[in-house]
N, C-alpha and C. Protein backbone atom coordinates (compact mmCIF):
# COMPACT_ATOMS: atom_id res chain seq x y z
N MET A 1 0.85 -1.18 0.00
CA MET A 1 0.00 0.00 0.00
C MET A 1 0.89 1.24 0.00
N PRO A 2 0.63 2.19 -0.89
CA PRO A 2 1.43 3.41 -0.94
C PRO A 2 1.26 4.25 0.33
N THR A 3 2.32 4.96 0.67
CA THR A 3 2.27 5.89 1.80
C THR A 3 2.93 7.19 1.39
N LEU A 4 2.47 8.25 2.02
CA LEU A 4 3.08 9.57 1.85
C LEU A 4 3.50 10.07 3.22
N ARG A 5 4.62 10.77 3.26
CA ARG A 5 5.06 11.44 4.49
C ARG A 5 5.46 12.85 4.08
N LEU A 6 4.78 13.83 4.65
CA LEU A 6 5.07 15.23 4.36
C LEU A 6 5.33 15.96 5.67
N GLU A 7 6.35 16.81 5.69
CA GLU A 7 6.67 17.60 6.86
C GLU A 7 6.55 19.07 6.51
N THR A 8 5.93 19.82 7.41
CA THR A 8 5.73 21.25 7.23
C THR A 8 6.09 21.96 8.52
N ARG A 9 7.00 22.91 8.45
CA ARG A 9 7.35 23.71 9.63
C ARG A 9 6.45 24.94 9.65
N ILE A 10 5.88 25.19 10.83
CA ILE A 10 4.96 26.31 11.00
C ILE A 10 5.39 27.11 12.23
N ALA A 11 5.50 28.41 12.08
CA ALA A 11 5.89 29.30 13.18
C ALA A 11 4.66 29.63 14.03
N ALA A 12 4.11 28.59 14.64
CA ALA A 12 2.95 28.72 15.53
C ALA A 12 2.99 27.52 16.48
N PRO A 13 2.42 27.65 17.66
CA PRO A 13 2.46 26.54 18.62
C PRO A 13 1.62 25.34 18.15
N PRO A 14 1.97 24.14 18.63
CA PRO A 14 1.24 22.93 18.22
C PRO A 14 -0.26 23.02 18.44
N ARG A 15 -0.70 23.62 19.54
CA ARG A 15 -2.15 23.67 19.81
C ARG A 15 -2.88 24.42 18.70
N ALA A 16 -2.33 25.53 18.24
CA ALA A 16 -2.97 26.30 17.17
C ALA A 16 -3.00 25.49 15.88
N CYS A 17 -1.92 24.78 15.57
CA CYS A 17 -1.85 23.95 14.36
C CYS A 17 -2.85 22.80 14.44
N PHE A 18 -2.90 22.14 15.60
CA PHE A 18 -3.81 21.03 15.83
C PHE A 18 -5.25 21.48 15.63
N ASP A 19 -5.62 22.57 16.31
CA ASP A 19 -7.01 23.05 16.24
C ASP A 19 -7.41 23.45 14.82
N LEU A 20 -6.55 24.18 14.13
CA LEU A 20 -6.92 24.61 12.78
C LEU A 20 -6.98 23.42 11.82
N SER A 21 -6.14 22.41 12.04
CA SER A 21 -6.14 21.23 11.18
C SER A 21 -7.43 20.41 11.33
N LEU A 22 -8.11 20.55 12.46
CA LEU A 22 -9.37 19.84 12.69
C LEU A 22 -10.59 20.66 12.28
N SER A 23 -10.38 21.86 11.78
CA SER A 23 -11.48 22.73 11.41
C SER A 23 -12.03 22.37 10.03
N VAL A 24 -13.31 22.05 9.99
CA VAL A 24 -13.98 21.76 8.72
C VAL A 24 -13.93 22.99 7.82
N ASP A 25 -14.13 24.16 8.41
CA ASP A 25 -14.13 25.41 7.63
C ASP A 25 -12.76 25.68 7.03
N ALA A 26 -11.69 25.44 7.80
CA ALA A 26 -10.33 25.64 7.29
C ALA A 26 -10.03 24.66 6.16
N HIS A 27 -10.46 23.43 6.31
CA HIS A 27 -10.22 22.44 5.25
C HIS A 27 -10.90 22.89 3.96
N THR A 28 -12.14 23.33 4.07
CA THR A 28 -12.87 23.79 2.90
C THR A 28 -12.14 24.96 2.23
N ALA A 29 -11.69 25.92 3.04
CA ALA A 29 -11.00 27.09 2.51
C ALA A 29 -9.66 26.74 1.87
N SER A 30 -9.01 25.69 2.36
CA SER A 30 -7.66 25.37 1.89
C SER A 30 -7.62 24.52 0.63
N MET A 31 -8.73 24.00 0.18
CA MET A 31 -8.73 23.04 -0.92
C MET A 31 -8.81 23.65 -2.31
N GLY A 32 -8.98 24.94 -2.42
CA GLY A 32 -8.89 25.61 -3.71
C GLY A 32 -9.74 25.03 -4.81
N ASP A 33 -9.09 24.64 -5.91
CA ASP A 33 -9.79 24.22 -7.13
C ASP A 33 -10.60 22.94 -6.99
N ALA A 34 -10.30 22.12 -5.99
CA ALA A 34 -11.05 20.87 -5.83
C ALA A 34 -12.48 21.13 -5.38
N GLY A 35 -12.73 22.32 -4.83
CA GLY A 35 -14.09 22.68 -4.42
C GLY A 35 -14.65 21.78 -3.35
N GLU A 36 -13.79 21.26 -2.47
CA GLU A 36 -14.29 20.38 -1.42
C GLU A 36 -15.23 21.13 -0.49
N ARG A 37 -16.34 20.46 -0.17
CA ARG A 37 -17.28 21.04 0.77
C ARG A 37 -17.88 19.93 1.63
N ALA A 38 -18.17 20.29 2.87
CA ALA A 38 -18.76 19.33 3.80
C ALA A 38 -20.25 19.24 3.53
N VAL A 39 -20.76 18.01 3.34
CA VAL A 39 -22.17 17.82 3.00
C VAL A 39 -22.89 16.91 3.98
N GLY A 40 -22.17 16.39 4.99
CA GLY A 40 -22.81 15.50 5.96
C GLY A 40 -21.97 15.39 7.21
N GLY A 41 -22.60 14.92 8.29
CA GLY A 41 -21.90 14.86 9.57
C GLY A 41 -21.65 16.27 10.07
N ARG A 42 -20.49 16.51 10.66
CA ARG A 42 -20.14 17.87 11.09
C ARG A 42 -19.76 18.66 9.84
N THR A 43 -20.49 19.72 9.57
CA THR A 43 -20.24 20.50 8.36
C THR A 43 -19.61 21.85 8.65
N SER A 44 -19.34 22.15 9.92
CA SER A 44 -18.69 23.40 10.30
C SER A 44 -18.08 23.20 11.68
N GLY A 45 -17.09 24.02 11.98
CA GLY A 45 -16.47 23.94 13.30
C GLY A 45 -15.36 22.91 13.35
N ARG A 46 -14.96 22.56 14.58
CA ARG A 46 -13.81 21.68 14.80
C ARG A 46 -14.26 20.25 15.11
N LEU A 47 -13.67 19.30 14.41
CA LEU A 47 -13.97 17.89 14.62
C LEU A 47 -13.39 17.39 15.94
N GLU A 48 -14.09 16.45 16.55
CA GLU A 48 -13.66 15.81 17.80
C GLU A 48 -13.58 14.31 17.58
N LEU A 49 -13.04 13.60 18.54
CA LEU A 49 -12.91 12.15 18.46
C LEU A 49 -14.26 11.50 18.19
N GLY A 50 -14.30 10.60 17.21
CA GLY A 50 -15.51 9.86 16.87
C GLY A 50 -16.43 10.56 15.89
N GLU A 51 -16.20 11.84 15.66
CA GLU A 51 -17.08 12.56 14.72
C GLU A 51 -16.72 12.22 13.28
N ARG A 52 -17.72 12.40 12.42
CA ARG A 52 -17.57 12.15 10.99
C ARG A 52 -17.91 13.40 10.21
N VAL A 53 -17.31 13.47 9.03
CA VAL A 53 -17.66 14.51 8.07
C VAL A 53 -17.67 13.84 6.70
N THR A 54 -18.67 14.20 5.90
CA THR A 54 -18.74 13.72 4.52
C THR A 54 -18.37 14.87 3.61
N TRP A 55 -17.37 14.64 2.78
CA TRP A 55 -16.88 15.63 1.84
C TRP A 55 -17.37 15.32 0.44
N HIS A 56 -17.67 16.37 -0.30
CA HIS A 56 -17.95 16.25 -1.73
C HIS A 56 -16.92 17.11 -2.45
N ALA A 57 -16.32 16.56 -3.50
CA ALA A 57 -15.30 17.29 -4.25
C ALA A 57 -15.24 16.75 -5.67
N VAL A 58 -14.53 17.48 -6.51
CA VAL A 58 -14.28 17.02 -7.88
C VAL A 58 -12.77 16.87 -8.02
N HIS A 59 -12.32 15.63 -8.30
CA HIS A 59 -10.91 15.35 -8.54
C HIS A 59 -10.81 14.57 -9.85
N PHE A 60 -9.80 14.92 -10.64
CA PHE A 60 -9.63 14.30 -11.96
C PHE A 60 -10.88 14.49 -12.83
N GLY A 61 -11.63 15.58 -12.56
CA GLY A 61 -12.85 15.85 -13.32
C GLY A 61 -14.03 14.98 -12.93
N VAL A 62 -13.90 14.21 -11.86
CA VAL A 62 -14.94 13.28 -11.43
C VAL A 62 -15.43 13.68 -10.04
N PRO A 63 -16.76 13.73 -9.84
CA PRO A 63 -17.27 14.05 -8.50
C PRO A 63 -17.07 12.86 -7.54
N PHE A 64 -16.61 13.18 -6.33
CA PHE A 64 -16.38 12.17 -5.31
C PHE A 64 -17.08 12.57 -4.02
N THR A 65 -17.53 11.57 -3.28
CA THR A 65 -18.05 11.78 -1.93
C THR A 65 -17.29 10.80 -1.03
N MET A 66 -16.79 11.33 0.10
CA MET A 66 -16.00 10.52 1.02
C MET A 66 -16.35 10.90 2.45
N THR A 67 -16.64 9.91 3.27
CA THR A 67 -16.90 10.13 4.69
C THR A 67 -15.69 9.65 5.48
N VAL A 68 -15.18 10.53 6.33
CA VAL A 68 -14.07 10.18 7.22
C VAL A 68 -14.51 10.34 8.67
N ALA A 69 -13.87 9.57 9.53
CA ALA A 69 -14.11 9.65 10.97
C ALA A 69 -12.79 9.96 11.66
N ILE A 70 -12.86 10.71 12.75
CA ILE A 70 -11.69 10.94 13.59
C ILE A 70 -11.59 9.73 14.51
N THR A 71 -10.56 8.91 14.28
CA THR A 71 -10.45 7.63 14.98
C THR A 71 -9.41 7.63 16.09
N ALA A 72 -8.57 8.65 16.15
CA ALA A 72 -7.60 8.81 17.24
C ALA A 72 -7.45 10.30 17.49
N TYR A 73 -7.25 10.65 18.77
CA TYR A 73 -7.26 12.08 19.14
C TYR A 73 -6.46 12.24 20.42
N ASP A 74 -5.30 12.86 20.32
CA ASP A 74 -4.42 13.12 21.47
C ASP A 74 -3.97 14.57 21.38
N ALA A 75 -4.84 15.47 21.82
CA ALA A 75 -4.57 16.91 21.70
C ALA A 75 -3.38 17.30 22.58
N PRO A 76 -2.53 18.19 22.11
CA PRO A 76 -2.44 18.75 20.75
C PRO A 76 -1.37 18.06 19.91
N ARG A 77 -1.12 16.80 20.16
CA ARG A 77 -0.01 16.10 19.50
C ARG A 77 -0.38 15.31 18.25
N ARG A 78 -1.59 14.76 18.22
CA ARG A 78 -1.87 13.81 17.14
C ARG A 78 -3.36 13.59 16.98
N PHE A 79 -3.78 13.39 15.72
CA PHE A 79 -5.11 12.84 15.44
C PHE A 79 -5.04 12.06 14.14
N VAL A 80 -6.02 11.19 13.95
CA VAL A 80 -6.09 10.35 12.76
C VAL A 80 -7.48 10.46 12.17
N ASP A 81 -7.55 10.64 10.85
CA ASP A 81 -8.83 10.51 10.15
C ASP A 81 -8.73 9.33 9.19
N GLU A 82 -9.84 8.56 9.13
CA GLU A 82 -9.88 7.37 8.28
C GLU A 82 -11.19 7.35 7.50
N GLN A 83 -11.09 6.92 6.25
CA GLN A 83 -12.29 6.77 5.42
C GLN A 83 -13.16 5.66 5.98
N VAL A 84 -14.46 5.96 6.11
CA VAL A 84 -15.43 4.92 6.46
C VAL A 84 -16.33 4.59 5.26
N ARG A 85 -16.37 5.51 4.29
CA ARG A 85 -17.11 5.27 3.04
C ARG A 85 -16.53 6.22 2.00
N GLY A 86 -16.29 5.69 0.82
CA GLY A 86 -15.79 6.59 -0.22
C GLY A 86 -15.01 5.89 -1.30
N PRO A 87 -14.26 6.69 -2.06
CA PRO A 87 -13.65 6.19 -3.29
C PRO A 87 -12.38 5.37 -3.11
N PHE A 88 -11.76 5.42 -1.95
CA PHE A 88 -10.50 4.72 -1.76
C PHE A 88 -10.74 3.28 -1.31
N GLY A 89 -9.82 2.42 -1.70
CA GLY A 89 -9.81 1.08 -1.12
C GLY A 89 -9.40 1.17 0.34
N ARG A 90 -8.55 2.17 0.65
CA ARG A 90 -8.11 2.46 2.02
C ARG A 90 -7.63 3.90 2.08
N TRP A 91 -7.95 4.58 3.19
CA TRP A 91 -7.46 5.94 3.46
C TRP A 91 -7.27 6.09 4.96
N ARG A 92 -6.04 6.37 5.37
CA ARG A 92 -5.72 6.64 6.77
C ARG A 92 -4.72 7.78 6.78
N HIS A 93 -5.08 8.87 7.47
CA HIS A 93 -4.25 10.07 7.50
C HIS A 93 -3.95 10.40 8.96
N GLU A 94 -2.69 10.22 9.34
CA GLU A 94 -2.25 10.55 10.69
C GLU A 94 -1.58 11.92 10.65
N HIS A 95 -2.01 12.79 11.57
CA HIS A 95 -1.49 14.16 11.67
C HIS A 95 -0.70 14.26 12.98
N LEU A 96 0.56 14.64 12.89
CA LEU A 96 1.42 14.77 14.07
C LEU A 96 1.88 16.21 14.20
N PHE A 97 1.95 16.69 15.45
CA PHE A 97 2.32 18.08 15.73
C PHE A 97 3.39 18.07 16.82
N ASP A 98 4.64 18.31 16.43
CA ASP A 98 5.75 18.27 17.37
C ASP A 98 6.26 19.68 17.64
N GLU A 99 6.27 20.06 18.92
CA GLU A 99 6.78 21.38 19.30
C GLU A 99 8.28 21.44 19.04
N GLN A 100 8.71 22.54 18.46
CA GLN A 100 10.11 22.76 18.15
C GLN A 100 10.74 23.69 19.20
N PRO A 101 12.07 23.68 19.32
CA PRO A 101 12.74 24.51 20.33
C PRO A 101 12.39 26.00 20.23
N ASP A 102 12.07 26.47 19.03
CA ASP A 102 11.74 27.89 18.85
C ASP A 102 10.27 28.19 19.15
N GLY A 103 9.51 27.18 19.61
CA GLY A 103 8.09 27.37 19.90
C GLY A 103 7.18 27.09 18.73
N GLY A 104 7.76 26.86 17.57
CA GLY A 104 6.98 26.52 16.39
C GLY A 104 6.61 25.04 16.39
N THR A 105 6.10 24.59 15.26
CA THR A 105 5.62 23.21 15.15
C THR A 105 6.17 22.56 13.90
N LEU A 106 6.57 21.29 14.04
CA LEU A 106 6.83 20.45 12.88
C LEU A 106 5.58 19.61 12.71
N MET A 107 4.82 19.90 11.66
CA MET A 107 3.60 19.17 11.37
C MET A 107 3.94 18.07 10.36
N THR A 108 3.62 16.83 10.70
CA THR A 108 3.91 15.69 9.84
C THR A 108 2.61 15.00 9.46
N ASP A 109 2.44 14.77 8.17
CA ASP A 109 1.30 14.03 7.63
C ASP A 109 1.79 12.67 7.19
N LEU A 110 1.18 11.61 7.73
CA LEU A 110 1.47 10.23 7.32
C LEU A 110 0.19 9.67 6.72
N ILE A 111 0.22 9.38 5.44
CA ILE A 111 -0.99 8.97 4.73
C ILE A 111 -0.75 7.60 4.10
N ALA A 112 -1.63 6.67 4.42
CA ALA A 112 -1.64 5.35 3.78
C ALA A 112 -2.92 5.27 2.96
N PHE A 113 -2.79 4.91 1.70
CA PHE A 113 -3.96 4.92 0.83
C PHE A 113 -3.86 3.83 -0.22
N ALA A 114 -4.99 3.48 -0.76
CA ALA A 114 -5.05 2.58 -1.90
C ALA A 114 -6.33 2.89 -2.66
N SER A 115 -6.22 2.94 -3.96
CA SER A 115 -7.42 3.13 -4.77
C SER A 115 -8.12 1.78 -4.90
N PRO A 116 -9.36 1.79 -5.37
CA PRO A 116 -10.01 0.51 -5.64
C PRO A 116 -9.27 -0.29 -6.71
N LEU A 117 -8.38 0.38 -7.45
CA LEU A 117 -7.62 -0.29 -8.51
C LEU A 117 -6.25 -0.75 -8.01
N GLY A 118 -6.04 -0.82 -6.72
CA GLY A 118 -4.77 -1.23 -6.15
C GLY A 118 -4.32 -2.60 -6.64
N PRO A 119 -3.29 -3.19 -6.02
CA PRO A 119 -2.69 -4.42 -6.55
C PRO A 119 -3.64 -5.60 -6.64
N LEU A 120 -4.72 -5.61 -5.87
CA LEU A 120 -5.66 -6.72 -5.93
C LEU A 120 -6.86 -6.42 -6.83
N GLY A 121 -6.90 -5.21 -7.38
CA GLY A 121 -8.00 -4.81 -8.26
C GLY A 121 -7.86 -5.41 -9.65
N PRO A 122 -8.74 -5.02 -10.54
CA PRO A 122 -8.76 -5.61 -11.88
C PRO A 122 -7.49 -5.35 -12.69
N LEU A 123 -6.73 -4.34 -12.32
CA LEU A 123 -5.50 -4.04 -13.07
C LEU A 123 -4.27 -4.67 -12.44
N GLY A 124 -4.41 -5.34 -11.30
CA GLY A 124 -3.30 -6.03 -10.64
C GLY A 124 -2.13 -5.12 -10.37
N PRO A 125 -0.91 -5.51 -10.74
CA PRO A 125 0.28 -4.70 -10.48
C PRO A 125 0.20 -3.31 -11.13
N LEU A 126 -0.50 -3.20 -12.23
CA LEU A 126 -0.66 -1.89 -12.86
C LEU A 126 -1.43 -0.95 -11.94
N GLY A 127 -2.43 -1.48 -11.23
CA GLY A 127 -3.18 -0.67 -10.27
C GLY A 127 -2.28 -0.13 -9.17
N ALA A 128 -1.34 -0.92 -8.70
CA ALA A 128 -0.39 -0.47 -7.68
C ALA A 128 0.48 0.66 -8.23
N ALA A 129 0.88 0.56 -9.49
CA ALA A 129 1.68 1.62 -10.10
C ALA A 129 0.87 2.90 -10.23
N VAL A 130 -0.41 2.77 -10.61
CA VAL A 130 -1.29 3.94 -10.70
C VAL A 130 -1.40 4.61 -9.33
N ASP A 131 -1.59 3.80 -8.27
CA ASP A 131 -1.66 4.35 -6.91
C ASP A 131 -0.40 5.14 -6.60
N ARG A 132 0.73 4.53 -6.80
CA ARG A 132 2.00 5.11 -6.37
C ARG A 132 2.35 6.34 -7.20
N LEU A 133 2.16 6.27 -8.50
CA LEU A 133 2.61 7.36 -9.36
C LEU A 133 1.56 8.46 -9.51
N ALA A 134 0.48 8.16 -10.18
CA ALA A 134 -0.51 9.20 -10.48
C ALA A 134 -1.24 9.67 -9.23
N LEU A 135 -1.85 8.75 -8.50
CA LEU A 135 -2.64 9.13 -7.34
C LEU A 135 -1.76 9.69 -6.23
N GLY A 136 -0.61 9.07 -6.00
CA GLY A 136 0.30 9.55 -4.96
C GLY A 136 0.76 10.97 -5.21
N ARG A 137 1.13 11.26 -6.44
CA ARG A 137 1.57 12.63 -6.79
C ARG A 137 0.44 13.63 -6.63
N TYR A 138 -0.74 13.25 -7.07
CA TYR A 138 -1.90 14.13 -6.96
C TYR A 138 -2.21 14.43 -5.49
N LEU A 139 -2.24 13.38 -4.66
CA LEU A 139 -2.53 13.57 -3.24
C LEU A 139 -1.46 14.42 -2.56
N GLU A 140 -0.21 14.20 -2.93
CA GLU A 140 0.86 15.01 -2.34
C GLU A 140 0.66 16.49 -2.66
N ARG A 141 0.30 16.80 -3.89
CA ARG A 141 0.04 18.21 -4.26
C ARG A 141 -1.11 18.79 -3.44
N LEU A 142 -2.18 17.99 -3.25
CA LEU A 142 -3.31 18.47 -2.44
C LEU A 142 -2.90 18.76 -1.01
N ILE A 143 -2.13 17.87 -0.41
CA ILE A 143 -1.72 18.05 0.99
C ILE A 143 -0.75 19.22 1.10
N VAL A 144 0.15 19.38 0.16
CA VAL A 144 1.06 20.53 0.18
C VAL A 144 0.27 21.83 0.07
N THR A 145 -0.73 21.86 -0.80
CA THR A 145 -1.59 23.05 -0.92
C THR A 145 -2.29 23.34 0.39
N ARG A 146 -2.85 22.32 1.00
CA ARG A 146 -3.53 22.47 2.28
C ARG A 146 -2.56 22.97 3.36
N ASN A 147 -1.40 22.36 3.43
CA ASN A 147 -0.43 22.75 4.47
C ASN A 147 0.11 24.15 4.27
N THR A 148 0.28 24.55 3.03
CA THR A 148 0.72 25.92 2.74
C THR A 148 -0.34 26.91 3.22
N TRP A 149 -1.61 26.59 2.98
CA TRP A 149 -2.70 27.45 3.45
C TRP A 149 -2.68 27.51 4.98
N LEU A 150 -2.53 26.37 5.65
CA LEU A 150 -2.48 26.35 7.11
C LEU A 150 -1.32 27.21 7.63
N ARG A 151 -0.14 27.01 7.05
CA ARG A 151 1.04 27.78 7.50
C ARG A 151 0.82 29.28 7.30
N THR A 152 0.36 29.66 6.12
CA THR A 152 0.13 31.07 5.83
C THR A 152 -0.88 31.68 6.79
N THR A 153 -1.95 30.96 7.05
CA THR A 153 -3.00 31.44 7.96
C THR A 153 -2.48 31.56 9.39
N LEU A 154 -1.77 30.53 9.86
CA LEU A 154 -1.29 30.53 11.24
C LEU A 154 -0.15 31.52 11.48
N GLU A 155 0.62 31.81 10.45
CA GLU A 155 1.74 32.73 10.61
C GLU A 155 1.36 34.18 10.35
N ALA A 156 0.13 34.42 9.93
CA ALA A 156 -0.30 35.80 9.61
C ALA A 156 -0.46 36.62 10.89
């Protein structure tokens, strides 16, 4: 299963980064061209442990709906969101917030994902390559865009 690891340094304390990262409104604002919007579950405010949000977006020109749940929550150090219904064969996104000596935060995203076309899908090994190359690159760009928005907002 493909994984992504992204690190973002933010000149803000971990609590501020943690809270804004759990904000449905911030996520919506940070997604730009994908037009992601919350359409079910918690549709505004900050997510808590056990809560769900259903997102609707257009990626690769195709409309998608995905419901995620907050499955782990250790404020202000870590939380995990996982797909409970949606387009992925698997989606698990762990968010880590480590305080730095200067008072800032090293925010780390650990994402494990698989499309329905992964190695066991109808395309076999080709599906795994699609996951790793096309989907992995696309997801990395989305997360970098989101993290840049978070950093810019928190450092303003």
